[in-house]
Amino acid sequence: QVQLVESGGGLVQPGGSLRLSCAASGSIFTIYAMGWYRQAPGKQRGLVAGITSGRRTNYADSVKGRFTISRDNAKNTVYLQMNSLKPEDTAVYYCNVVTNIDNAWGQGTQVTVSS
């Protein structure tokens, strides 16, 4: 079983930046894809950004050019650098990691963009 620990959420003003981190631990032999999803009140959870084991990335259209996903394989950690944040980015952000034994989700971290 894989455990995920997220950090880095919080309250930020419009135009500000935050960096989310998600560290995976447990019986991990191979991590395939890693990603970040978000869910705003009254909306479905959707993909924000993903990164494969080959470091191929994909982004939701709404965050392209503002968010950057990266991963540190030595630390089994995925990051999401969020710049130029907007009020519509407000949501609970969830980390997702697909390994050889599990498809794991983090507990979620709140990101609030407000003045």
PDB file of N, CA and C in Angstrom:
ATOM      1  N   GLN A   1       0.842  -1.194   0.000  1.00  0.00           N
ATOM      2  CA  GLN A   1       0.000   0.000   0.000  1.00  0.00           C
ATOM      3  C   GLN A   1       0.874   1.239   0.000  1.00  0.00           C
ATOM      4  N   VAL A   2       0.389   2.269  -0.691  1.00  0.00           N
ATOM      5  CA  VAL A   2       1.135   3.515  -0.833  1.00  0.00           C
ATOM      6  C   VAL A   2       0.468   4.605  -0.009  1.00  0.00           C
ATOM      7  N   GLN A   3       1.251   5.357   0.716  1.00  0.00           N
ATOM      8  CA  GLN A   3       0.739   6.503   1.464  1.00  0.00           C
ATOM      9  C   GLN A   3       1.262   7.786   0.831  1.00  0.00           C
ATOM     10  N   LEU A   4       0.387   8.781   0.764  1.00  0.00           N
ATOM     11  CA  LEU A   4       0.749  10.078   0.194  1.00  0.00           C
ATOM     12  C   LEU A   4       0.552  11.166   1.230  1.00  0.00           C
ATOM     13  N   VAL A   5       1.526  12.050   1.330  1.00  0.00           N
ATOM     14  CA  VAL A   5       1.435  13.187   2.239  1.00  0.00           C
ATOM     15  C   VAL A   5       1.597  14.463   1.433  1.00  0.00           C
ATOM     16  N   GLU A   6       0.558  15.281   1.453  1.00  0.00           N
ATOM     17  CA  GLU A   6       0.561  16.537   0.705  1.00  0.00           C
ATOM     18  C   GLU A   6       0.881  17.705   1.631  1.00  0.00           C
ATOM     19  N   SER A   7       1.440  18.746   1.057  1.00  0.00           N
ATOM     20  CA  SER A   7       1.692  19.968   1.808  1.00  0.00           C
ATOM     21  C   SER A   7       1.761  21.141   0.840  1.00  0.00           C
ATOM     22  N   GLY A   8       1.637  22.350   1.401  1.00  0.00           N
ATOM     23  CA  GLY A   8       1.847  23.544   0.613  1.00  0.00           C
ATOM     24  C   GLY A   8       0.614  24.371   0.303  1.00  0.00           C
ATOM     25  N   GLY A   9      -0.562  23.900   0.656  1.00  0.00           N
ATOM     26  CA  GLY A   9      -1.762  24.687   0.399  1.00  0.00           C
ATOM     27  C   GLY A   9      -1.848  25.885   1.327  1.00  0.00           C
ATOM     28  N   GLY A  10      -2.859  26.718   1.080  1.00  0.00           N
ATOM     29  CA  GLY A  10      -3.055  27.882   1.938  1.00  0.00           C
ATOM     30  C   GLY A  10      -3.849  28.966   1.266  1.00  0.00           C
ATOM     31  N   LEU A  11      -3.804  30.146   1.876  1.00  0.00           N
ATOM     32  CA  LEU A  11      -4.507  31.325   1.371  1.00  0.00           C
ATOM     33  C   LEU A  11      -3.511  32.251   0.685  1.00  0.00           C
ATOM     34  N   VAL A  12      -3.842  32.683  -0.504  1.00  0.00           N
ATOM     35  CA  VAL A  12      -2.958  33.574  -1.255  1.00  0.00           C
ATOM     36  C   VAL A  12      -3.804  34.595  -1.997  1.00  0.00           C
ATOM     37  N   GLN A  13      -3.233  35.762  -2.218  1.00  0.00           N
ATOM     38  CA  GLN A  13      -3.934  36.798  -2.962  1.00  0.00           C
ATOM     39  C   GLN A  13      -3.873  36.525  -4.459  1.00  0.00           C
ATOM     40  N   PRO A  14      -4.826  37.044  -5.209  1.00  0.00           N
ATOM     41  CA  PRO A  14      -4.764  36.895  -6.671  1.00  0.00           C
ATOM     42  C   PRO A  14      -3.427  37.405  -7.208  1.00  0.00           C
ATOM     43  N   GLY A  15      -2.870  36.643  -8.143  1.00  0.00           N
ATOM     44  CA  GLY A  15      -1.561  36.975  -8.685  1.00  0.00           C
ATOM     45  C   GLY A  15      -0.405  36.352  -7.938  1.00  0.00           C
ATOM     46  N   GLY A  16      -0.685  35.758  -6.800  1.00  0.00           N
ATOM     47  CA  GLY A  16       0.352  35.161  -5.981  1.00  0.00           C
ATOM     48  C   GLY A  16       0.731  33.756  -6.438  1.00  0.00           C
ATOM     49  N   SER A  17       1.617  33.140  -5.661  1.00  0.00           N
ATOM     50  CA  SER A  17       2.137  31.816  -5.996  1.00  0.00           C
ATOM     51  C   SER A  17       2.078  30.885  -4.798  1.00  0.00           C
ATOM     52  N   LEU A  18       1.944  29.614  -5.092  1.00  0.00           N
ATOM     53  CA  LEU A  18       2.040  28.558  -4.097  1.00  0.00           C
ATOM     54  C   LEU A  18       2.738  27.370  -4.735  1.00  0.00           C
ATOM     55  N   ARG A  19       3.363  26.549  -3.893  1.00  0.00           N
ATOM     56  CA  ARG A  19       3.978  25.319  -4.359  1.00  0.00           C
ATOM     57  C   ARG A  19       3.443  24.159  -3.516  1.00  0.00           C
ATOM     58  N   LEU A  20       2.815  23.213  -4.197  1.00  0.00           N
ATOM     59  CA  LEU A  20       2.321  22.009  -3.537  1.00  0.00           C
ATOM     60  C   LEU A  20       3.342  20.895  -3.671  1.00  0.00           C
ATOM     61  N   SER A  21       3.423  20.069  -2.623  1.00  0.00           N
ATOM     62  CA  SER A  21       4.298  18.898  -2.646  1.00  0.00           C
ATOM     63  C   SER A  21       3.502  17.661  -2.244  1.00  0.00           C
ATOM     64  N   CYS A  22       3.887  16.530  -2.775  1.00  0.00           N
ATOM     65  CA  CYS A  22       3.246  15.267  -2.429  1.00  0.00           C
ATOM     66  C   CYS A  22       4.314  14.187  -2.403  1.00  0.00           C
ATOM     67  N   ALA A  23       4.547  13.626  -1.213  1.00  0.00           N
ATOM     68  CA  ALA A  23       5.561  12.591  -1.041  1.00  0.00           C
ATOM     69  C   ALA A  23       4.897  11.235  -0.872  1.00  0.00           C
ATOM     70  N   ALA A  24       5.378  10.269  -1.639  1.00  0.00           N
ATOM     71  CA  ALA A  24       4.851   8.906  -1.584  1.00  0.00           C
ATOM     72  C   ALA A  24       5.778   8.012  -0.780  1.00  0.00           C
ATOM     73  N   SER A  25       5.170   7.116  -0.002  1.00  0.00           N
ATOM     74  CA  SER A  25       5.954   6.151   0.771  1.00  0.00           C
ATOM     75  C   SER A  25       5.216   4.829   0.812  1.00  0.00           C
ATOM     76  N   GLY A  26       5.927   3.797   1.246  1.00  0.00           N
ATOM     77  CA  GLY A  26       5.312   2.484   1.314  1.00  0.00           C
ATOM     78  C   GLY A  26       6.073   1.500   0.453  1.00  0.00           C
ATOM     79  N   SER A  27       5.395   0.416   0.100  1.00  0.00           N
ATOM     80  CA  SER A  27       6.037  -0.635  -0.692  1.00  0.00           C
ATOM     81  C   SER A  27       5.983  -0.267  -2.177  1.00  0.00           C
ATOM     82  N   ILE A  28       6.869   0.650  -2.530  1.00  0.00           N
ATOM     83  CA  ILE A  28       6.880   1.167  -3.901  1.00  0.00           C
ATOM     84  C   ILE A  28       8.082   0.614  -4.644  1.00  0.00           C
ATOM     85  N   PHE A  29       7.828  -0.016  -5.766  1.00  0.00           N
ATOM     86  CA  PHE A  29       8.919  -0.460  -6.620  1.00  0.00           C
ATOM     87  C   PHE A  29       9.033   0.403  -7.865  1.00  0.00           C
ATOM     88  N   THR A  30       7.878   0.758  -8.404  1.00  0.00           N
ATOM     89  CA  THR A  30       7.875   1.579  -9.615  1.00  0.00           C
ATOM     90  C   THR A  30       6.728   2.577  -9.549  1.00  0.00           C
ATOM     91  N   ILE A  31       7.049   3.853  -9.744  1.00  0.00           N
ATOM     92  CA  ILE A  31       6.016   4.881  -9.873  1.00  0.00           C
ATOM     93  C   ILE A  31       5.855   5.203 -11.341  1.00  0.00           C
ATOM     94  N   TYR A  32       4.655   5.077 -11.815  1.00  0.00           N
ATOM     95  CA  TYR A  32       4.368   5.403 -13.203  1.00  0.00           C
ATOM     96  C   TYR A  32       3.953   6.868 -13.298  1.00  0.00           C
ATOM     97  N   ALA A  33       2.702   7.130 -13.335  1.00  0.00           N
ATOM     98  CA  ALA A  33       2.237   8.507 -13.479  1.00  0.00           C
ATOM     99  C   ALA A  33       2.013   9.154 -12.118  1.00  0.00           C
ATOM    100  N   MET A  34       2.200  10.462 -12.092  1.00  0.00           N
ATOM    101  CA  MET A  34       1.912  11.273 -10.920  1.00  0.00           C
ATOM    102  C   MET A  34       1.109  12.476 -11.387  1.00  0.00           C
ATOM    103  N   GLY A  35       0.208  12.949 -10.554  1.00  0.00           N
ATOM    104  CA  GLY A  35      -0.602  14.070 -11.010  1.00  0.00           C
ATOM    105  C   GLY A  35      -1.286  14.808  -9.890  1.00  0.00           C
ATOM    106  N   TRP A  36      -1.858  15.929 -10.263  1.00  0.00           N
ATOM    107  CA  TRP A  36      -2.644  16.747  -9.352  1.00  0.00           C
ATOM    108  C   TRP A  36      -4.035  16.957  -9.938  1.00  0.00           C
ATOM    109  N   TYR A  37      -5.026  16.797  -9.086  1.00  0.00           N
ATOM    110  CA  TYR A  37      -6.418  17.038  -9.435  1.00  0.00           C
ATOM    111  C   TYR A  37      -6.954  18.092  -8.479  1.00  0.00           C
ATOM    112  N   ARG A  38      -8.079  18.687  -8.845  1.00  0.00           N
ATOM    113  CA  ARG A  38      -8.697  19.623  -7.921  1.00  0.00           C
ATOM    114  C   ARG A  38     -10.209  19.525  -7.997  1.00  0.00           C
ATOM    115  N   GLN A  39     -10.832  19.909  -6.878  1.00  0.00           N
ATOM    116  CA  GLN A  39     -12.284  19.883  -6.800  1.00  0.00           C
ATOM    117  C   GLN A  39     -12.761  21.117  -6.066  1.00  0.00           C
ATOM    118  N   ALA A  40     -13.526  21.936  -6.769  1.00  0.00           N
ATOM    119  CA  ALA A  40     -14.136  23.123  -6.176  1.00  0.00           C
ATOM    120  C   ALA A  40     -15.530  22.758  -5.676  1.00  0.00           C
ATOM    121  N   PRO A  41     -16.067  23.539  -4.746  1.00  0.00           N
ATOM    122  CA  PRO A  41     -17.405  23.252  -4.223  1.00  0.00           C
ATOM    123  C   PRO A  41     -18.446  23.167  -5.338  1.00  0.00           C
ATOM    124  N   GLY A  42     -19.213  22.090  -5.330  1.00  0.00           N
ATOM    125  CA  GLY A  42     -20.258  21.916  -6.313  1.00  0.00           C
ATOM    126  C   GLY A  42     -19.799  21.457  -7.677  1.00  0.00           C
ATOM    127  N   LYS A  43     -18.509  21.163  -7.808  1.00  0.00           N
ATOM    128  CA  LYS A  43     -17.970  20.732  -9.095  1.00  0.00           C
ATOM    129  C   LYS A  43     -17.312  19.363  -8.972  1.00  0.00           C
ATOM    130  N   GLN A  44     -17.133  18.701 -10.101  1.00  0.00           N
ATOM    131  CA  GLN A  44     -16.465  17.406 -10.109  1.00  0.00           C
ATOM    132  C   GLN A  44     -14.960  17.590 -10.028  1.00  0.00           C
ATOM    133  N   ARG A  45     -14.310  16.551  -9.524  1.00  0.00           N
ATOM    134  CA  ARG A  45     -12.847  16.549  -9.482  1.00  0.00           C
ATOM    135  C   ARG A  45     -12.306  16.414 -10.897  1.00  0.00           C
ATOM    136  N   GLY A  46     -11.299  17.232 -11.218  1.00  0.00           N
ATOM    137  CA  GLY A  46     -10.730  17.195 -12.559  1.00  0.00           C
ATOM    138  C   GLY A  46      -9.220  17.300 -12.537  1.00  0.00           C
ATOM    139  N   LEU A  47      -8.604  16.830 -13.598  1.00  0.00           N
ATOM    140  CA  LEU A  47      -7.152  16.851 -13.708  1.00  0.00           C
ATOM    141  C   LEU A  47      -6.637  18.275 -13.860  1.00  0.00           C
ATOM    142  N   VAL A  48      -5.612  18.604 -13.078  1.00  0.00           N
ATOM    143  CA  VAL A  48      -4.922  19.883 -13.221  1.00  0.00           C
ATOM    144  C   VAL A  48      -3.654  19.690 -14.050  1.00  0.00           C
ATOM    145  N   ALA A  49      -2.844  18.702 -13.650  1.00  0.00           N
ATOM    146  CA  ALA A  49      -1.588  18.445 -14.354  1.00  0.00           C
ATOM    147  C   ALA A  49      -1.136  17.025 -14.071  1.00  0.00           C
ATOM    148  N   GLY A  50      -0.456  16.429 -15.036  1.00  0.00           N
ATOM    149  CA  GLY A  50       0.068  15.088 -14.867  1.00  0.00           C
ATOM    150  C   GLY A  50       1.471  14.993 -15.434  1.00  0.00           C
ATOM    151  N   ILE A  51       2.228  14.014 -14.918  1.00  0.00           N
ATOM    152  CA  ILE A  51       3.592  13.788 -15.402  1.00  0.00           C
ATOM    153  C   ILE A  51       3.863  12.296 -15.396  1.00  0.00           C
ATOM    154  N   THR A  52       4.398  11.791 -16.494  1.00  0.00           N
ATOM    155  CA  THR A  52       4.671  10.370 -16.616  1.00  0.00           C
ATOM    156  C   THR A  52       6.068  10.039 -16.093  1.00  0.00           C
ATOM    157  N   SER A  53       6.380   8.747 -16.076  1.00  0.00           N
ATOM    158  CA  SER A  53       7.713   8.333 -15.654  1.00  0.00           C
ATOM    159  C   SER A  53       8.784   8.866 -16.595  1.00  0.00           C
ATOM    160  N   GLY A  54       8.411   9.131 -17.845  1.00  0.00           N
ATOM    161  CA  GLY A  54       9.329   9.718 -18.805  1.00  0.00           C
ATOM    162  C   GLY A  54       9.325  11.225 -18.790  1.00  0.00           C
ATOM    163  N   ARG A  55       8.643  11.805 -17.786  1.00  0.00           N
ATOM    164  CA  ARG A  55       8.563  13.251 -17.568  1.00  0.00           C
ATOM    165  C   ARG A  55       7.767  13.962 -18.654  1.00  0.00           C
ATOM    166  N   ARG A  56       6.906  13.233 -19.349  1.00  0.00           N
ATOM    167  CA  ARG A  56       5.988  13.892 -20.260  1.00  0.00           C
ATOM    168  C   ARG A  56       4.882  14.511 -19.413  1.00  0.00           C
ATOM    169  N   THR A  57       4.539  15.768 -19.701  1.00  0.00           N
ATOM    170  CA  THR A  57       3.558  16.480 -18.893  1.00  0.00           C
ATOM    171  C   THR A  57       2.326  16.837 -19.712  1.00  0.00           C
ATOM    172  N   ASN A  58       1.213  16.994 -19.014  1.00  0.00           N
ATOM    173  CA  ASN A  58       0.002  17.516 -19.620  1.00  0.00           C
ATOM    174  C   ASN A  58      -0.715  18.374 -18.594  1.00  0.00           C
ATOM    175  N   TYR A  59      -1.433  19.373 -19.098  1.00  0.00           N
ATOM    176  CA  TYR A  59      -2.086  20.350 -18.235  1.00  0.00           C
ATOM    177  C   TYR A  59      -3.517  20.620 -18.687  1.00  0.00           C
ATOM    178  N   ALA A  60      -4.342  20.974 -17.726  1.00  0.00           N
ATOM    179  CA  ALA A  60      -5.656  21.493 -18.064  1.00  0.00           C
ATOM    180  C   ALA A  60      -5.460  22.837 -18.777  1.00  0.00           C
ATOM    181  N   ASP A  61      -6.324  23.123 -19.737  1.00  0.00           N
ATOM    182  CA  ASP A  61      -6.186  24.366 -20.502  1.00  0.00           C
ATOM    183  C   ASP A  61      -6.197  25.594 -19.583  1.00  0.00           C
ATOM    184  N   SER A  62      -6.955  25.518 -18.513  1.00  0.00           N
ATOM    185  CA  SER A  62      -7.128  26.673 -17.635  1.00  0.00           C
ATOM    186  C   SER A  62      -5.863  27.032 -16.856  1.00  0.00           C
ATOM    187  N   VAL A  63      -4.884  26.122 -16.795  1.00  0.00           N
ATOM    188  CA  VAL A  63      -3.682  26.397 -16.003  1.00  0.00           C
ATOM    189  C   VAL A  63      -2.415  26.449 -16.861  1.00  0.00           C
ATOM    190  N   LYS A  64      -2.533  26.182 -18.137  1.00  0.00           N
ATOM    191  CA  LYS A  64      -1.353  26.209 -19.013  1.00  0.00           C
ATOM    192  C   LYS A  64      -0.678  27.574 -18.967  1.00  0.00           C
ATOM    193  N   GLY A  65       0.643  27.547 -18.834  1.00  0.00           N
ATOM    194  CA  GLY A  65       1.408  28.782 -18.772  1.00  0.00           C
ATOM    195  C   GLY A  65       1.510  29.374 -17.384  1.00  0.00           C
ATOM    196  N   ARG A  66       0.729  28.850 -16.435  1.00  0.00           N
ATOM    197  CA  ARG A  66       0.766  29.365 -15.064  1.00  0.00           C
ATOM    198  C   ARG A  66       1.256  28.318 -14.059  1.00  0.00           C
ATOM    199  N   PHE A  67       0.913  27.066 -14.298  1.00  0.00           N
ATOM    200  CA  PHE A  67       1.284  25.983 -13.379  1.00  0.00           C
ATOM    201  C   PHE A  67       2.365  25.112 -14.028  1.00  0.00           C
ATOM    202  N   THR A  68       3.239  24.574 -13.178  1.00  0.00           N
ATOM    203  CA  THR A  68       4.282  23.662 -13.652  1.00  0.00           C
ATOM    204  C   THR A  68       4.353  22.454 -12.719  1.00  0.00           C
ATOM    205  N   ILE A  69       4.248  21.263 -13.304  1.00  0.00           N
ATOM    206  CA  ILE A  69       4.373  20.029 -12.537  1.00  0.00           C
ATOM    207  C   ILE A  69       5.776  19.466 -12.733  1.00  0.00           C
ATOM    208  N   SER A  70       6.331  18.914 -11.653  1.00  0.00           N
ATOM    209  CA  SER A  70       7.652  18.289 -11.743  1.00  0.00           C
ATOM    210  C   SER A  70       7.704  17.132 -10.743  1.00  0.00           C
ATOM    211  N   ARG A  71       8.705  16.294 -10.873  1.00  0.00           N
ATOM    212  CA  ARG A  71       8.838  15.167  -9.966  1.00  0.00           C
ATOM    213  C   ARG A  71      10.296  14.910  -9.637  1.00  0.00           C
ATOM    214  N   ASP A  72      10.524  14.422  -8.422  1.00  0.00           N
ATOM    215  CA  ASP A  72      11.849  14.029  -7.970  1.00  0.00           C
ATOM    216  C   ASP A  72      11.772  12.532  -7.681  1.00  0.00           C
ATOM    217  N   ASN A  73      12.277  11.723  -8.588  1.00  0.00           N
ATOM    218  CA  ASN A  73      12.146  10.280  -8.446  1.00  0.00           C
ATOM    219  C   ASN A  73      12.922   9.745  -7.250  1.00  0.00           C
ATOM    220  N   ALA A  74      14.017  10.377  -6.906  1.00  0.00           N
ATOM    221  CA  ALA A  74      14.815   9.921  -5.758  1.00  0.00           C
ATOM    222  C   ALA A  74      14.038  10.078  -4.453  1.00  0.00           C
ATOM    223  N   LYS A  75      13.147  11.064  -4.418  1.00  0.00           N
ATOM    224  CA  LYS A  75      12.360  11.334  -3.209  1.00  0.00           C
ATOM    225  C   LYS A  75      10.915  10.854  -3.338  1.00  0.00           C
ATOM    226  N   ASN A  76      10.577  10.238  -4.466  1.00  0.00           N
ATOM    227  CA  ASN A  76       9.185   9.811  -4.713  1.00  0.00           C
ATOM    228  C   ASN A  76       8.208  10.951  -4.464  1.00  0.00           C
ATOM    229  N   THR A  77       8.546  12.118  -4.972  1.00  0.00           N
ATOM    230  CA  THR A  77       7.775  13.328  -4.692  1.00  0.00           C
ATOM    231  C   THR A  77       7.396  14.028  -5.988  1.00  0.00           C
ATOM    232  N   VAL A  78       6.178  14.547  -6.004  1.00  0.00           N
ATOM    233  CA  VAL A  78       5.698  15.350  -7.130  1.00  0.00           C
ATOM    234  C   VAL A  78       5.354  16.741  -6.610  1.00  0.00           C
ATOM    235  N   TYR A  79       5.614  17.735  -7.428  1.00  0.00           N
ATOM    236  CA  TYR A  79       5.399  19.127  -7.061  1.00  0.00           C
ATOM    237  C   TYR A  79       4.460  19.792  -8.062  1.00  0.00           C
ATOM    238  N   LEU A  80       3.790  20.827  -7.592  1.00  0.00           N
ATOM    239  CA  LEU A  80       2.990  21.664  -8.478  1.00  0.00           C
ATOM    240  C   LEU A  80       3.276  23.117  -8.122  1.00  0.00           C
ATOM    241  N   GLN A  81       4.008  23.789  -8.997  1.00  0.00           N
ATOM    242  CA  GLN A  81       4.278  25.210  -8.833  1.00  0.00           C
ATOM    243  C   GLN A  81       3.144  25.989  -9.480  1.00  0.00           C
ATOM    244  N   MET A  82       2.468  26.794  -8.691  1.00  0.00           N
ATOM    245  CA  MET A  82       1.310  27.534  -9.179  1.00  0.00           C
ATOM    246  C   MET A  82       1.610  29.030  -9.107  1.00  0.00           C
ATOM    247  N   ASN A  83       1.647  29.665 -10.255  1.00  0.00           N
ATOM    248  CA  ASN A  83       1.906  31.102 -10.341  1.00  0.00           C
ATOM    249  C   ASN A  83       0.684  31.819 -10.906  1.00  0.00           C
ATOM    250  N   SER A  84       0.670  33.131 -10.741  1.00  0.00           N
ATOM    251  CA  SER A  84      -0.428  33.956 -11.268  1.00  0.00           C
ATOM    252  C   SER A  84      -1.787  33.375 -10.882  1.00  0.00           C
ATOM    253  N   LEU A  85      -1.930  33.046  -9.626  1.00  0.00           N
ATOM    254  CA  LEU A  85      -3.154  32.396  -9.175  1.00  0.00           C
ATOM    255  C   LEU A  85      -4.363  33.315  -9.301  1.00  0.00           C
ATOM    256  N   LYS A  86      -5.490  32.697  -9.616  1.00  0.00           N
ATOM    257  CA  LYS A  86      -6.747  33.413  -9.801  1.00  0.00           C
ATOM    258  C   LYS A  86      -7.781  32.885  -8.805  1.00  0.00           C
ATOM    259  N   PRO A  87      -8.802  33.672  -8.508  1.00  0.00           N
ATOM    260  CA  PRO A  87      -9.845  33.189  -7.588  1.00  0.00           C
ATOM    261  C   PRO A  87     -10.466  31.876  -8.050  1.00  0.00           C
ATOM    262  N   GLU A  88     -10.566  31.675  -9.354  1.00  0.00           N
ATOM    263  CA  GLU A  88     -11.153  30.436  -9.867  1.00  0.00           C
ATOM    264  C   GLU A  88     -10.251  29.220  -9.677  1.00  0.00           C
ATOM    265  N   ASP A  89      -9.036  29.412  -9.207  1.00  0.00           N
ATOM    266  CA  ASP A  89      -8.168  28.287  -8.858  1.00  0.00           C
ATOM    267  C   ASP A  89      -8.475  27.748  -7.460  1.00  0.00           C
ATOM    268  N   THR A  90      -9.341  28.423  -6.737  1.00  0.00           N
ATOM    269  CA  THR A  90      -9.704  27.984  -5.392  1.00  0.00           C
ATOM    270  C   THR A  90     -10.363  26.606  -5.439  1.00  0.00           C
ATOM    271  N   ALA A  91      -9.805  25.674  -4.678  1.00  0.00           N
ATOM    272  CA  ALA A  91     -10.299  24.293  -4.671  1.00  0.00           C
ATOM    273  C   ALA A  91      -9.492  23.483  -3.663  1.00  0.00           C
ATOM    274  N   VAL A  92      -9.939  22.250  -3.452  1.00  0.00           N
ATOM    275  CA  VAL A  92      -9.116  21.272  -2.747  1.00  0.00           C
ATOM    276  C   VAL A  92      -8.293  20.541  -3.804  1.00  0.00           C
ATOM    277  N   TYR A  93      -7.001  20.510  -3.609  1.00  0.00           N
ATOM    278  CA  TYR A  93      -6.088  19.885  -4.560  1.00  0.00           C
ATOM    279  C   TYR A  93      -5.673  18.505  -4.034  1.00  0.00           C
ATOM    280  N   TYR A  94      -5.779  17.504  -4.901  1.00  0.00           N
ATOM    281  CA  TYR A  94      -5.464  16.124  -4.538  1.00  0.00           C
ATOM    282  C   TYR A  94      -4.306  15.610  -5.380  1.00  0.00           C
ATOM    283  N   CYS A  95      -3.392  14.948  -4.713  1.00  0.00           N
ATOM    284  CA  CYS A  95      -2.296  14.277  -5.394  1.00  0.00           C
ATOM    285  C   CYS A  95      -2.734  12.862  -5.772  1.00  0.00           C
ATOM    286  N   ASN A  96      -2.287  12.393  -6.925  1.00  0.00           N
ATOM    287  CA  ASN A  96      -2.559  11.033  -7.367  1.00  0.00           C
ATOM    288  C   ASN A  96      -1.269  10.403  -7.863  1.00  0.00           C
ATOM    289  N   VAL A  97      -1.009   9.175  -7.404  1.00  0.00           N
ATOM    290  CA  VAL A  97       0.199   8.467  -7.814  1.00  0.00           C
ATOM    291  C   VAL A  97      -0.170   7.045  -8.222  1.00  0.00           C
ATOM    292  N   VAL A  98       0.253   6.664  -9.398  1.00  0.00           N
ATOM    293  CA  VAL A  98       0.013   5.316  -9.908  1.00  0.00           C
ATOM    294  C   VAL A  98       1.325   4.542  -9.839  1.00  0.00           C
ATOM    295  N   THR A  99       1.313   3.438  -9.069  1.00  0.00           N
ATOM    296  CA  THR A  99       2.520   2.629  -8.919  1.00  0.00           C
ATOM    297  C   THR A  99       2.257   1.215  -9.413  1.00  0.00           C
ATOM    298  N   ASN A 100       3.234   0.365  -9.225  1.00  0.00           N
ATOM    299  CA  ASN A 100       3.089  -1.029  -9.643  1.00  0.00           C
ATOM    300  C   ASN A 100       2.076  -1.787  -8.779  1.00  0.00           C
ATOM    301  N   ILE A 101       1.729  -1.237  -7.607  1.00  0.00           N
ATOM    302  CA  ILE A 101       0.822  -1.956  -6.714  1.00  0.00           C
ATOM    303  C   ILE A 101      -0.417  -1.165  -6.333  1.00  0.00           C
ATOM    304  N   ASP A 102      -0.504   0.082  -6.710  1.00  0.00           N
ATOM    305  CA  ASP A 102      -1.594   0.897  -6.165  1.00  0.00           C
ATOM    306  C   ASP A 102      -1.886   2.093  -7.054  1.00  0.00           C
ATOM    307  N   ASN A 103      -3.100   2.610  -6.909  1.00  0.00           N
ATOM    308  CA  ASN A 103      -3.500   3.894  -7.487  1.00  0.00           C
ATOM    309  C   ASN A 103      -3.943   4.724  -6.292  1.00  0.00           C
ATOM    310  N   ALA A 104      -3.030   5.546  -5.787  1.00  0.00           N
ATOM    311  CA  ALA A 104      -3.220   6.193  -4.491  1.00  0.00           C
ATOM    312  C   ALA A 104      -3.609   7.650  -4.612  1.00  0.00           C
ATOM    313  N   TRP A 105      -4.409   8.092  -3.628  1.00  0.00           N
ATOM    314  CA  TRP A 105      -4.839   9.490  -3.568  1.00  0.00           C
ATOM    315  C   TRP A 105      -4.398  10.100  -2.244  1.00  0.00           C
ATOM    316  N   GLY A 106      -4.013  11.371  -2.306  1.00  0.00           N
ATOM    317  CA  GLY A 106      -3.706  12.103  -1.087  1.00  0.00           C
ATOM    318  C   GLY A 106      -4.978  12.563  -0.395  1.00  0.00           C
ATOM    319  N   GLN A 107      -4.801  13.131   0.781  1.00  0.00           N
ATOM    320  CA  GLN A 107      -5.955  13.540   1.588  1.00  0.00           C
ATOM    321  C   GLN A 107      -6.540  14.866   1.129  1.00  0.00           C
ATOM    322  N   GLY A 108      -5.818  15.573   0.284  1.00  0.00           N
ATOM    323  CA  GLY A 108      -6.288  16.858  -0.213  1.00  0.00           C
ATOM    324  C   GLY A 108      -5.731  18.019   0.581  1.00  0.00           C
ATOM    325  N   THR A 109      -5.448  19.097  -0.109  1.00  0.00           N
ATOM    326  CA  THR A 109      -4.974  20.316   0.541  1.00  0.00           C
ATOM    327  C   THR A 109      -5.730  21.501  -0.048  1.00  0.00           C
ATOM    328  N   GLN A 110      -6.194  22.375   0.827  1.00  0.00           N
ATOM    329  CA  GLN A 110      -7.029  23.501   0.390  1.00  0.00           C
ATOM    330  C   GLN A 110      -6.161  24.622  -0.155  1.00  0.00           C
ATOM    331  N   VAL A 111      -6.536  25.117  -1.318  1.00  0.00           N
ATOM    332  CA  VAL A 111      -5.929  26.314  -1.897  1.00  0.00           C
ATOM    333  C   VAL A 111      -7.030  27.345  -2.057  1.00  0.00           C
ATOM    334  N   THR A 112      -6.851  28.513  -1.437  1.00  0.00           N
ATOM    335  CA  THR A 112      -7.831  29.584  -1.512  1.00  0.00           C
ATOM    336  C   THR A 112      -7.155  30.826  -2.061  1.00  0.00           C
ATOM    337  N   VAL A 113      -7.704  31.345  -3.149  1.00  0.00           N
ATOM    338  CA  VAL A 113      -7.169  32.550  -3.779  1.00  0.00           C
ATOM    339  C   VAL A 113      -8.189  33.662  -3.580  1.00  0.00           C
ATOM    340  N   SER A 114      -7.836  34.614  -2.745  1.00  0.00           N
ATOM    341  CA  SER A 114      -8.788  35.664  -2.396  1.00  0.00           C
ATOM    342  C   SER A 114      -8.048  36.882  -1.875  1.00  0.00           C
ATOM    343  N   SER A 115      -8.632  38.048  -2.143  1.00  0.00           N
ATOM    344  CA  SER A 115      -8.059  39.278  -1.606  1.00  0.00           C
ATOM    345  C   SER A 115      -8.718  39.650  -0.298  1.00  0.00           C
TER     346      SER A 115
END
